[in-house]
Amino acid sequence: MDRDLDSDLVTDWTGGHGDADFRVDDDQYFVYGEAQDPVSIRPEYLPHTLKISHTPDATDVYLLNPGVVTPDGEWEAWYLAHWLPGAVRYRSFWDLMNDEYRNFRDER
């Protein structure tokens, strides 16, 4: 696992919005599932995320976000890819993996 994301990747994924001027309110941010807007991310979290998978030269990655923690202690999970306008976020790694499994099984 690698906590140090390439700074160019951070800039590319956030569109340079890593500053305090880019705000997403809680009503937008804490929406998960089908109703979620992938653009509703908080770029300030990105440099602090834990990268848990990344294929060399791939343009997608799984991250855990210690900035958002469930009451059970689970870190929010993000899926970033070049074809997304932001990130698909999940309440936990468990939720992310279950969604990936359903996609793999074509159960969506």
N, C-alpha and C. Protein backbone atom coordinates (compact mmCIF):
# COMPACT_ATOMS: atom_id res chain seq x y z
N MET A 1 0.84 -1.17 0.00
CA MET A 1 0.00 0.00 0.00
C MET A 1 0.89 1.24 0.00
N ASP A 2 0.43 2.26 -0.65
CA ASP A 2 1.23 3.46 -0.83
C ASP A 2 0.39 4.68 -0.52
N ARG A 3 0.84 5.48 0.41
CA ARG A 3 0.09 6.67 0.77
C ARG A 3 0.47 7.88 -0.08
N ASP A 4 1.59 7.80 -0.77
CA ASP A 4 2.09 8.94 -1.51
C ASP A 4 1.65 8.88 -2.96
N LEU A 5 0.57 9.60 -3.28
CA LEU A 5 0.11 9.69 -4.65
C LEU A 5 1.01 10.67 -5.40
N ASP A 6 1.26 10.39 -6.63
CA ASP A 6 2.03 11.29 -7.48
C ASP A 6 1.32 12.63 -7.52
N SER A 7 2.05 13.71 -7.26
CA SER A 7 1.42 15.04 -7.22
C SER A 7 0.79 15.42 -8.54
N ASP A 8 1.34 14.96 -9.67
CA ASP A 8 0.72 15.22 -10.97
C ASP A 8 -0.63 14.52 -11.09
N LEU A 9 -0.72 13.30 -10.54
CA LEU A 9 -2.00 12.59 -10.56
C LEU A 9 -3.04 13.32 -9.72
N VAL A 10 -2.62 13.82 -8.56
CA VAL A 10 -3.54 14.57 -7.71
C VAL A 10 -4.06 15.78 -8.46
N THR A 11 -3.17 16.51 -9.12
CA THR A 11 -3.57 17.70 -9.89
C THR A 11 -4.49 17.31 -11.04
N ASP A 12 -4.15 16.24 -11.76
CA ASP A 12 -4.98 15.80 -12.87
C ASP A 12 -6.38 15.42 -12.41
N TRP A 13 -6.48 14.67 -11.31
CA TRP A 13 -7.77 14.20 -10.85
C TRP A 13 -8.61 15.30 -10.22
N THR A 14 -7.97 16.29 -9.66
CA THR A 14 -8.74 17.35 -9.01
C THR A 14 -8.92 18.55 -9.91
N GLY A 15 -8.29 18.55 -11.06
CA GLY A 15 -8.37 19.70 -11.95
C GLY A 15 -7.77 20.93 -11.31
N GLY A 16 -6.85 20.72 -10.38
CA GLY A 16 -6.22 21.83 -9.70
C GLY A 16 -7.06 22.43 -8.59
N HIS A 17 -8.18 21.76 -8.22
CA HIS A 17 -9.08 22.30 -7.19
C HIS A 17 -8.70 21.84 -5.80
N GLY A 18 -7.44 21.68 -5.52
CA GLY A 18 -7.02 21.24 -4.20
C GLY A 18 -7.06 22.35 -3.16
N ASP A 19 -7.54 23.50 -3.52
CA ASP A 19 -7.54 24.63 -2.60
C ASP A 19 -8.87 24.77 -1.88
N ALA A 20 -8.91 25.69 -0.95
CA ALA A 20 -10.10 25.88 -0.11
C ALA A 20 -11.26 26.53 -0.85
N ASP A 21 -11.04 27.02 -2.07
CA ASP A 21 -12.11 27.69 -2.81
C ASP A 21 -13.11 26.70 -3.42
N PHE A 22 -12.77 25.43 -3.48
CA PHE A 22 -13.63 24.42 -4.07
C PHE A 22 -14.32 23.68 -2.93
N ARG A 23 -15.61 23.92 -2.76
CA ARG A 23 -16.35 23.33 -1.64
C ARG A 23 -17.55 22.51 -2.13
N VAL A 24 -17.74 21.38 -1.51
CA VAL A 24 -18.92 20.55 -1.73
C VAL A 24 -19.58 20.41 -0.37
N ASP A 25 -20.83 20.84 -0.27
CA ASP A 25 -21.48 20.76 1.05
C ASP A 25 -21.85 19.32 1.40
N ASP A 26 -22.12 19.09 2.67
CA ASP A 26 -22.42 17.74 3.16
C ASP A 26 -23.61 17.10 2.46
N ASP A 27 -24.62 17.90 2.11
CA ASP A 27 -25.80 17.36 1.43
C ASP A 27 -25.44 16.74 0.09
N GLN A 28 -24.44 17.27 -0.57
CA GLN A 28 -23.98 16.71 -1.85
C GLN A 28 -22.95 15.61 -1.61
N TYR A 29 -22.05 15.84 -0.67
CA TYR A 29 -20.92 14.93 -0.48
C TYR A 29 -21.35 13.57 0.05
N PHE A 30 -22.23 13.54 1.03
CA PHE A 30 -22.56 12.28 1.67
C PHE A 30 -23.71 11.53 0.99
N VAL A 31 -23.73 11.61 -0.32
CA VAL A 31 -24.66 10.81 -1.13
C VAL A 31 -23.84 9.68 -1.74
N TYR A 32 -24.29 8.46 -1.52
CA TYR A 32 -23.60 7.29 -2.07
C TYR A 32 -24.57 6.53 -2.96
N GLY A 33 -24.06 5.65 -3.78
CA GLY A 33 -24.91 4.85 -4.64
C GLY A 33 -25.27 5.55 -5.93
N GLU A 34 -26.37 5.12 -6.52
CA GLU A 34 -26.79 5.60 -7.84
C GLU A 34 -27.02 7.11 -7.90
N ALA A 35 -27.44 7.71 -6.80
CA ALA A 35 -27.75 9.14 -6.79
C ALA A 35 -26.50 10.02 -6.66
N GLN A 36 -25.36 9.41 -6.43
CA GLN A 36 -24.13 10.16 -6.23
C GLN A 36 -23.66 10.82 -7.52
N ASP A 37 -23.17 12.04 -7.41
CA ASP A 37 -22.54 12.74 -8.52
C ASP A 37 -21.04 12.61 -8.34
N PRO A 38 -20.33 11.92 -9.25
CA PRO A 38 -18.88 11.72 -9.08
C PRO A 38 -18.09 13.02 -8.99
N VAL A 39 -18.67 14.12 -9.41
CA VAL A 39 -17.98 15.40 -9.33
C VAL A 39 -17.97 15.92 -7.88
N SER A 40 -18.86 15.42 -7.06
CA SER A 40 -18.98 15.90 -5.68
C SER A 40 -17.93 15.26 -4.78
N ILE A 41 -16.69 15.61 -5.03
CA ILE A 41 -15.60 15.15 -4.18
C ILE A 41 -15.02 16.33 -3.42
N ARG A 42 -14.24 16.03 -2.46
CA ARG A 42 -13.52 17.06 -1.71
C ARG A 42 -12.03 16.84 -2.00
N PRO A 43 -11.51 17.60 -2.96
CA PRO A 43 -10.12 17.39 -3.40
C PRO A 43 -9.09 17.50 -2.28
N GLU A 44 -9.42 18.24 -1.23
CA GLU A 44 -8.46 18.39 -0.14
C GLU A 44 -8.18 17.06 0.56
N TYR A 45 -9.06 16.07 0.42
CA TYR A 45 -8.82 14.75 1.00
C TYR A 45 -7.79 13.94 0.20
N LEU A 46 -7.71 14.18 -1.07
CA LEU A 46 -6.93 13.33 -1.97
C LEU A 46 -5.47 13.14 -1.55
N PRO A 47 -4.74 14.18 -1.18
CA PRO A 47 -3.34 13.95 -0.80
C PRO A 47 -3.16 13.09 0.46
N HIS A 48 -4.22 12.90 1.25
CA HIS A 48 -4.14 12.15 2.49
C HIS A 48 -4.67 10.72 2.36
N THR A 49 -5.16 10.37 1.18
CA THR A 49 -5.72 9.04 0.99
C THR A 49 -4.63 7.98 0.97
N LEU A 50 -5.05 6.76 1.21
CA LEU A 50 -4.17 5.60 1.17
C LEU A 50 -4.46 4.84 -0.12
N LYS A 51 -3.47 4.75 -0.98
CA LYS A 51 -3.64 4.02 -2.24
C LYS A 51 -3.54 2.53 -1.94
N ILE A 52 -4.60 1.77 -2.28
CA ILE A 52 -4.61 0.34 -1.97
C ILE A 52 -4.47 -0.54 -3.20
N SER A 53 -4.56 0.05 -4.37
CA SER A 53 -4.28 -0.71 -5.59
C SER A 53 -4.00 0.26 -6.71
N HIS A 54 -3.10 -0.15 -7.54
CA HIS A 54 -2.77 0.67 -8.70
C HIS A 54 -1.93 -0.17 -9.64
N THR A 55 -2.41 -0.39 -10.82
CA THR A 55 -1.66 -1.12 -11.82
C THR A 55 -0.72 -0.13 -12.51
N PRO A 56 0.56 -0.46 -12.63
CA PRO A 56 1.47 0.47 -13.31
C PRO A 56 0.93 0.88 -14.68
N ASP A 57 1.03 2.16 -14.95
CA ASP A 57 0.57 2.75 -16.21
C ASP A 57 -0.95 2.73 -16.38
N ALA A 58 -1.68 2.29 -15.35
CA ALA A 58 -3.14 2.32 -15.42
C ALA A 58 -3.62 3.71 -15.03
N THR A 59 -4.81 4.03 -15.44
CA THR A 59 -5.36 5.35 -15.12
C THR A 59 -6.54 5.24 -14.16
N ASP A 60 -6.57 4.17 -13.38
CA ASP A 60 -7.58 4.05 -12.34
C ASP A 60 -6.91 3.54 -11.07
N VAL A 61 -7.54 3.83 -9.94
CA VAL A 61 -6.94 3.50 -8.66
C VAL A 61 -8.03 3.41 -7.59
N TYR A 62 -7.80 2.56 -6.58
CA TYR A 62 -8.65 2.48 -5.40
C TYR A 62 -7.93 3.19 -4.26
N LEU A 63 -8.69 3.98 -3.51
CA LEU A 63 -8.12 4.74 -2.40
C LEU A 63 -9.00 4.59 -1.16
N LEU A 64 -8.39 4.70 0.01
CA LEU A 64 -9.13 4.80 1.26
C LEU A 64 -8.91 6.20 1.80
N ASN A 65 -10.00 6.80 2.28
CA ASN A 65 -9.98 8.18 2.73
C ASN A 65 -10.12 8.25 4.25
N PRO A 66 -9.03 8.57 4.98
CA PRO A 66 -9.14 8.67 6.44
C PRO A 66 -9.85 9.94 6.90
N GLY A 67 -10.20 10.82 5.97
CA GLY A 67 -10.91 12.04 6.32
C GLY A 67 -12.39 11.83 6.58
N VAL A 68 -12.92 10.69 6.16
CA VAL A 68 -14.33 10.35 6.39
C VAL A 68 -14.35 8.92 6.95
N VAL A 69 -14.79 8.80 8.19
CA VAL A 69 -14.79 7.52 8.89
C VAL A 69 -16.20 7.23 9.41
N THR A 70 -16.67 6.01 9.16
CA THR A 70 -18.00 5.61 9.65
C THR A 70 -17.96 5.43 11.17
N PRO A 71 -19.12 5.36 11.82
CA PRO A 71 -19.14 5.10 13.26
C PRO A 71 -18.45 3.77 13.63
N ASP A 72 -18.39 2.84 12.66
CA ASP A 72 -17.74 1.55 12.90
C ASP A 72 -16.23 1.61 12.67
N GLY A 73 -15.71 2.78 12.29
CA GLY A 73 -14.28 2.93 12.08
C GLY A 73 -13.81 2.65 10.66
N GLU A 74 -14.75 2.46 9.73
CA GLU A 74 -14.39 2.19 8.33
C GLU A 74 -14.08 3.49 7.60
N TRP A 75 -13.00 3.50 6.85
CA TRP A 75 -12.65 4.66 6.04
C TRP A 75 -13.46 4.66 4.76
N GLU A 76 -13.84 5.82 4.31
CA GLU A 76 -14.50 5.96 3.02
C GLU A 76 -13.56 5.44 1.93
N ALA A 77 -14.12 4.81 0.88
CA ALA A 77 -13.33 4.28 -0.23
C ALA A 77 -13.68 5.03 -1.50
N TRP A 78 -12.66 5.28 -2.32
CA TRP A 78 -12.84 6.00 -3.59
C TRP A 78 -12.34 5.15 -4.74
N TYR A 79 -13.03 5.27 -5.86
CA TYR A 79 -12.54 4.71 -7.11
C TYR A 79 -12.34 5.89 -8.07
N LEU A 80 -11.11 6.08 -8.50
CA LEU A 80 -10.77 7.15 -9.45
C LEU A 80 -10.35 6.52 -10.77
N ALA A 81 -10.81 7.09 -11.85
CA ALA A 81 -10.42 6.63 -13.19
C ALA A 81 -10.45 7.81 -14.15
N HIS A 82 -9.65 7.74 -15.18
CA HIS A 82 -9.56 8.87 -16.11
C HIS A 82 -10.88 9.14 -16.82
N TRP A 83 -11.75 8.15 -16.91
CA TRP A 83 -13.02 8.34 -17.62
C TRP A 83 -14.13 8.88 -16.70
N LEU A 84 -13.83 9.07 -15.43
CA LEU A 84 -14.81 9.64 -14.50
C LEU A 84 -14.54 11.13 -14.32
N PRO A 85 -15.59 11.92 -14.14
CA PRO A 85 -15.38 13.35 -13.93
C PRO A 85 -14.94 13.68 -12.50
N GLY A 86 -14.77 12.69 -11.68
CA GLY A 86 -14.36 12.86 -10.29
C GLY A 86 -14.04 11.49 -9.72
N ALA A 87 -14.74 11.11 -8.69
CA ALA A 87 -14.54 9.80 -8.06
C ALA A 87 -15.89 9.18 -7.73
N VAL A 88 -15.93 7.87 -7.74
CA VAL A 88 -17.09 7.16 -7.21
C VAL A 88 -16.68 6.79 -5.78
N ARG A 89 -17.47 7.25 -4.83
CA ARG A 89 -17.14 7.07 -3.43
C ARG A 89 -18.09 6.07 -2.78
N TYR A 90 -17.56 5.37 -1.79
CA TYR A 90 -18.32 4.36 -1.06
C TYR A 90 -18.11 4.59 0.43
N ARG A 91 -19.10 4.19 1.22
CA ARG A 91 -18.98 4.35 2.67
C ARG A 91 -17.80 3.58 3.25
N SER A 92 -17.44 2.47 2.57
CA SER A 92 -16.37 1.62 3.09
C SER A 92 -15.75 0.80 1.95
N PHE A 93 -14.62 0.20 2.24
CA PHE A 93 -13.97 -0.70 1.30
C PHE A 93 -14.89 -1.88 0.99
N TRP A 94 -15.60 -2.36 1.99
CA TRP A 94 -16.55 -3.46 1.81
C TRP A 94 -17.59 -3.10 0.75
N ASP A 95 -18.16 -1.91 0.86
CA ASP A 95 -19.16 -1.48 -0.12
C ASP A 95 -18.55 -1.37 -1.52
N LEU A 96 -17.34 -0.85 -1.61
CA LEU A 96 -16.66 -0.75 -2.90
C LEU A 96 -16.46 -2.12 -3.53
N MET A 97 -15.96 -3.07 -2.75
CA MET A 97 -15.68 -4.40 -3.30
C MET A 97 -16.97 -5.13 -3.67
N ASN A 98 -18.02 -4.94 -2.89
CA ASN A 98 -19.30 -5.57 -3.24
C ASN A 98 -19.84 -5.00 -4.54
N ASP A 99 -19.71 -3.69 -4.75
CA ASP A 99 -20.15 -3.08 -6.00
C ASP A 99 -19.32 -3.59 -7.18
N GLU A 100 -18.01 -3.68 -6.99
CA GLU A 100 -17.15 -4.21 -8.05
C GLU A 100 -17.52 -5.66 -8.39
N TYR A 101 -17.81 -6.45 -7.38
CA TYR A 101 -18.22 -7.83 -7.60
C TYR A 101 -19.52 -7.91 -8.39
N ARG A 102 -20.50 -7.06 -8.01
CA ARG A 102 -21.77 -7.04 -8.76
C ARG A 102 -21.53 -6.64 -10.21
N ASN A 103 -20.64 -5.66 -10.43
CA ASN A 103 -20.31 -5.26 -11.80
C ASN A 103 -19.66 -6.41 -12.56
N PHE A 104 -18.76 -7.11 -11.91
CA PHE A 104 -18.08 -8.25 -12.52
C PHE A 104 -19.08 -9.34 -12.90
N ARG A 105 -20.04 -9.57 -12.02
CA ARG A 105 -21.06 -10.59 -12.26
C ARG A 105 -22.20 -10.08 -13.13
N ASP A 106 -22.11 -8.80 -13.50
CA ASP A 106 -23.14 -8.14 -14.31
C ASP A 106 -24.50 -8.21 -13.63
N GLU A 107 -24.51 -7.93 -12.34
CA GLU A 107 -25.73 -7.98 -11.54
C GLU A 107 -26.31 -6.60 -11.26
N ARG A 108 -25.85 -5.59 -11.92
CA ARG A 108 -26.35 -4.23 -11.68
C ARG A 108 -27.56 -3.94 -12.48
